[in-house]
Protein backbone atom coordinates (compact mmCIF):
# COMPACT_ATOMS: atom_id res chain seq x y z
CA MET A 1 15.75 19.47 12.85
CA SER A 2 14.59 17.95 15.91
CA THR A 3 12.24 15.22 16.68
CA ASP A 4 9.64 17.58 17.20
CA ASP A 5 10.57 19.49 13.99
CA TYR A 6 10.16 15.99 12.02
CA ALA A 7 6.96 15.25 13.54
CA ARG A 8 5.61 18.82 12.22
CA TYR A 9 6.98 18.39 8.99
CA TYR A 10 5.35 15.18 8.01
CA GLU A 11 2.37 15.94 10.17
CA ASP A 12 0.11 16.52 6.96
CA HIS A 13 2.54 14.46 4.66
CA TYR A 14 -0.19 11.70 3.71
CA GLY A 15 -3.57 11.75 2.16
CA SER A 16 -3.05 12.83 -1.56
CA PRO A 17 -4.55 10.30 -3.60
CA GLU A 18 -1.81 10.58 -6.31
CA GLN A 19 0.70 10.02 -3.92
CA THR A 20 -1.27 6.99 -2.37
CA ARG A 21 -1.27 5.37 -5.50
CA TRP A 22 2.42 6.04 -6.19
CA ARG A 23 3.13 4.57 -2.88
CA GLU A 24 1.05 1.32 -3.34
CA LEU A 25 2.94 0.97 -6.85
CA GLY A 26 6.40 1.27 -4.70
CA ALA A 27 5.30 -1.21 -2.13
CA ARG A 28 5.24 -3.74 -4.94
CA ASP A 29 8.95 -3.86 -4.97
CA LYS A 30 9.29 -3.24 -1.37
CA ALA A 31 7.34 -6.48 -0.14
CA GLU A 32 9.27 -8.42 -2.55
CA ASN A 33 12.43 -7.39 -1.25
CA VAL A 34 11.31 -8.17 2.32
CA ILE A 35 9.81 -11.70 1.43
CA ALA A 36 12.95 -12.24 -0.43
CA LEU A 37 15.44 -11.33 2.44
CA TRP A 38 13.34 -12.88 4.87
CA ALA A 39 13.85 -16.44 3.22
CA ARG A 40 17.41 -15.94 3.51
CA THR A 41 17.00 -16.17 7.53
CA ARG A 42 15.73 -19.99 6.89
CA GLU A 43 12.86 -19.19 9.64
CA SER A 44 10.12 -21.64 9.30
CA ALA A 45 7.38 -19.79 11.19
CA ALA A 46 5.21 -16.84 9.64
CA PRO A 47 7.05 -13.66 11.44
CA ARG A 48 5.57 -11.00 13.97
CA VAL A 49 6.19 -7.91 12.00
CA ILE A 50 6.80 -4.36 13.07
CA ASP A 51 6.92 -1.78 10.20
CA ILE A 52 8.58 1.23 11.79
CA GLY A 53 7.58 4.44 9.53
CA CYS A 54 4.73 2.56 8.01
CA GLY A 55 3.43 5.70 6.11
CA GLU A 56 -0.08 5.11 5.36
CA GLY A 57 0.38 1.17 5.42
CA ALA A 58 0.76 0.38 1.91
CA LEU A 59 3.43 -1.87 2.56
CA ILE A 60 1.81 -3.87 5.29
CA ALA A 61 -1.19 -4.14 3.05
CA GLU A 62 0.88 -5.52 0.21
CA LEU A 63 2.74 -8.06 2.46
CA GLY A 64 -0.66 -9.03 3.79
CA ARG A 65 -1.96 -9.75 0.17
CA ARG A 66 0.84 -11.95 -0.70
CA GLY A 67 0.39 -14.05 2.21
CA PHE A 68 3.39 -13.00 4.22
CA GLY A 69 3.77 -12.69 7.98
CA ALA A 70 1.39 -13.72 11.30
CA SER A 71 0.56 -10.14 12.18
CA PHE A 72 1.57 -6.66 11.92
CA THR A 73 2.04 -3.51 13.98
CA GLY A 74 2.48 -0.22 12.07
CA VAL A 75 4.27 2.62 13.92
CA GLU A 76 4.43 5.96 12.20
CA ILE A 77 5.34 9.51 13.02
CA SER A 78 2.88 11.51 10.93
CA PRO A 79 -0.64 11.81 12.58
CA SER A 80 -2.10 11.81 8.52
CA GLY A 81 -0.36 8.88 7.81
CA VAL A 82 -1.81 6.70 10.93
CA GLU A 83 -5.32 8.28 10.14
CA ALA A 84 -5.02 6.95 6.39
CA ALA A 85 -3.34 3.43 7.36
CA ARG A 86 -6.35 2.99 9.99
CA ARG A 87 -8.85 3.37 7.35
CA ARG A 88 -7.44 0.49 5.41
CA GLU A 89 -8.40 -3.13 5.26
CA PHE A 90 -5.63 -5.65 5.99
CA ALA A 91 -5.49 -9.32 5.40
CA ARG A 92 -3.61 -10.13 8.38
CA PRO A 93 -4.03 -8.75 12.18
CA THR A 94 -2.88 -5.46 12.17
CA SER A 95 -2.55 -2.53 14.77
CA ILE A 96 -1.45 0.97 13.71
CA GLU A 97 0.05 3.35 16.34
CA LEU A 98 1.23 6.93 16.47
CA TYR A 99 5.05 6.74 16.98
CA GLY A 100 6.87 9.91 18.75
CA GLY A 101 10.22 9.13 17.04
CA GLU A 102 12.15 7.76 19.85
CA ARG A 103 11.39 4.73 22.12
CA ILE A 104 8.88 2.12 20.68
CA GLY A 105 6.43 0.98 23.11
CA ALA A 106 7.04 -2.64 23.11
CA ALA A 107 9.18 -5.05 25.20
CA ASP A 108 12.42 -6.54 23.84
CA ARG A 109 12.00 -8.99 20.97
CA ALA A 110 8.41 -8.58 20.90
CA TYR A 111 8.41 -9.01 17.18
CA ASP A 112 10.28 -11.33 14.79
CA LEU A 113 10.96 -8.72 11.98
CA ALA A 114 11.47 -5.01 11.99
CA VAL A 115 10.98 -3.37 8.56
CA LEU A 116 12.40 -0.05 7.91
CA SER A 117 11.68 0.84 4.20
CA HIS A 118 12.71 3.94 2.93
CA VAL A 119 12.82 5.43 6.40
CA VAL A 120 16.38 5.83 7.51
CA GLU A 121 17.29 8.32 4.88
CA HIS A 122 14.64 10.54 6.55
CA ALA A 123 15.83 9.95 10.21
CA GLU A 124 17.60 12.56 12.37
CA SER A 125 19.39 9.57 14.22
CA PRO A 126 19.44 6.77 11.82
CA ARG A 127 21.45 4.56 14.32
CA ALA A 128 19.57 5.29 17.38
CA LEU A 129 16.37 4.31 15.21
CA LEU A 130 18.16 0.95 14.00
CA ARG A 131 19.15 0.30 17.68
CA GLU A 132 15.57 0.44 18.70
CA ALA A 133 14.07 -1.59 15.91
CA ALA A 134 16.89 -4.28 16.93
CA ARG A 135 15.73 -4.09 20.50
CA VAL A 136 12.23 -5.10 19.74
CA ALA A 137 12.81 -7.40 16.76
CA ARG A 138 15.08 -10.52 16.27
CA TYR A 139 15.73 -9.49 12.71
CA VAL A 140 16.03 -5.83 10.94
CA CYS A 141 15.10 -5.55 7.16
CA VAL A 142 16.24 -2.15 6.10
CA GLU A 143 15.69 -0.36 2.54
CA VAL A 144 17.09 2.82 1.34
CA PRO A 145 17.43 4.73 -2.15
CA LEU A 146 21.00 4.68 -3.20
CA GLU A 147 21.59 8.25 -3.72
CA TYR A 148 25.10 8.22 -2.97
CA ASN A 149 26.40 8.55 -6.42
CA TRP A 150 27.69 11.08 -8.86
CA ARG A 151 24.24 12.82 -9.10
CA LEU A 152 24.34 13.76 -5.22
CA PRO A 153 25.25 17.34 -5.20
CA ARG A 154 28.42 18.70 -3.45
CA ASP A 155 26.34 20.89 -1.12
CA PHE A 156 23.51 19.76 0.84
CA THR A 157 19.99 21.44 0.13
CA TRP A 158 16.55 20.69 1.71
CA ASN A 159 14.21 18.92 -1.05
CA GLN A 160 10.66 18.00 -1.22
CA LEU A 161 11.54 14.15 -0.36
CA GLY A 162 12.98 14.95 3.12
CA HIS A 163 16.03 12.81 2.69
CA VAL A 164 18.83 13.98 5.00
CA ASN A 165 21.12 10.70 4.95
CA PHE A 166 22.74 9.40 1.66
CA TYR A 167 23.81 5.73 1.10
CA ASP A 168 25.16 3.39 -1.27
CA PRO A 169 25.33 -0.26 -0.39
CA LYS A 170 28.61 -0.13 1.51
CA LEU A 171 27.53 2.81 3.62
CA LEU A 172 23.84 0.95 4.33
CA ARG A 173 26.11 -2.29 5.25
CA GLN A 174 28.28 -0.35 7.64
CA LEU A 175 25.45 1.61 9.28
CA VAL A 176 23.60 -1.60 10.26
CA GLN A 177 26.77 -3.40 11.24
CA SER A 178 27.70 -0.43 13.45
CA ILE A 179 24.83 -1.20 15.90
CA GLY A 180 26.11 -4.88 16.14
CA ALA A 181 23.59 -6.68 13.75
CA GLN A 182 24.93 -9.35 11.54
CA VAL A 183 24.22 -8.77 7.89
CA LEU A 184 22.88 -12.14 6.44
CA ALA A 185 21.93 -10.92 2.91
CA GLU A 186 21.67 -7.78 0.49
CA ARG A 187 19.83 -6.73 -2.77
CA VAL A 188 20.03 -4.12 -5.15
CA THR A 189 17.11 -3.67 -7.25
CA CYS A 190 15.38 -1.26 -9.78
CA PRO A 191 11.85 -0.07 -9.21
CA CYS A 192 8.87 -1.57 -10.89
CA ARG A 193 8.42 0.25 -14.27
CA GLU A 194 4.98 1.52 -13.17
CA ALA A 195 6.31 3.19 -10.28
CA MET A 196 9.48 4.70 -12.35
CA VAL A 197 7.18 6.30 -15.01
CA TRP A 198 4.22 7.32 -12.48
CA GLY A 199 3.75 10.99 -13.41
CA ARG A 200 6.27 10.95 -16.09
CA GLU A 201 4.82 8.83 -18.80
CA GLY A 202 6.57 9.08 -22.05
CA LEU A 203 9.03 7.49 -24.31
CA ARG A 204 12.08 9.19 -22.38
CA SER A 205 11.03 7.75 -19.30
CA GLU A 206 10.43 4.39 -20.80
CA LEU A 207 13.75 4.50 -22.38
CA ARG A 208 15.48 5.43 -19.12
CA TYR A 209 13.94 2.55 -17.40
CA LEU A 210 15.00 -0.08 -19.84
CA ALA A 211 18.50 1.54 -19.87
CA MET A 212 18.62 1.29 -15.82
CA VAL A 213 17.51 -2.33 -15.86
CA GLY A 214 19.93 -3.45 -18.49
CA LEU A 215 22.78 -1.79 -17.13
CA LEU A 216 21.95 -2.80 -13.60
CA ARG A 217 22.33 -6.54 -14.94
CA ALA A 218 25.32 -5.92 -17.19
CA TRP A 219 27.45 -3.66 -15.08
CA PRO A 220 26.10 -3.09 -11.80
CA GLY A 221 28.83 -0.96 -10.28
CA LEU A 222 28.55 1.42 -13.28
CA ALA A 223 24.79 1.65 -12.77
CA ARG A 224 25.05 2.27 -9.34
CA ARG A 225 27.30 5.32 -9.86
CA LEU A 226 24.96 6.87 -12.61
CA TRP A 227 21.36 6.58 -11.22
CA SER A 228 19.72 5.79 -7.80
CA PHE A 229 18.33 2.12 -7.06
CA HIS A 230 17.02 0.50 -4.15
CA GLY A 231 19.39 -1.06 -1.86
CA SER A 232 17.73 -3.34 1.08
CA LEU A 233 19.28 -6.09 3.49
CA ILE A 234 18.17 -8.08 6.43
CA ALA A 235 20.58 -8.28 9.69
CA ARG A 236 20.19 -10.62 12.65
CA SER A 237 19.84 -8.26 15.71
CA PRO A 238 22.58 -8.35 18.33
CA GLU A 239 21.77 -10.09 21.60
CA PRO A 240 20.05 -7.77 24.15
CA LYS A 241 22.27 -6.75 26.89
CA ALA A 242 21.35 -8.18 30.16
CA ALA A 243 19.85 -5.70 32.74
CA GLY A 244 22.13 -4.42 35.48
């Protein structure tokens, strides 16, 4: 799909109360990962954050509730996401902007931290998107579902999630390194129980969650081959190229 096709695909993607609740549950884990990874930079000041692909603002809201960040800018390709995010109340100074999917309307190093949480698996050009994130921020934090495992079909098919790129920890690390960024820290985590069983309540879902958590602790390599977890990392952006 082209950038215009993506914009049309996600135009009315947000607004369902059930999906909003699910995203708010998922934002708990995403916020925990962002905060933990930011701590590995050893930066003392609260960061100015841009959340690229912010959706309806669930992650920004959760980070603010936890006292993280000096200010936030959310950019989102979906008009329905922008509309929903602008209706939220945020704990930190926040602006929400519609994003065309290519160049971000910000100067080089306008932010301390760019967050792309569950975004690059949807992107037509993930490397170009990461380069733009690294242009506007000194550090880039990326999280993806780790779907490159035995469950991934041999042949690509479009699905309701809209994922077109698939990763394991090594592929994610190399993607970020390919733009010249320096990886500082990585995490592999299991989504929280509430998000894992949302809409699938029952003994089977509970047992699956417990098995995933237990195996990830005991044999992480085997666990990642069997199930999809969340992989996240933080990287220092390459120095901007001098003009001329």
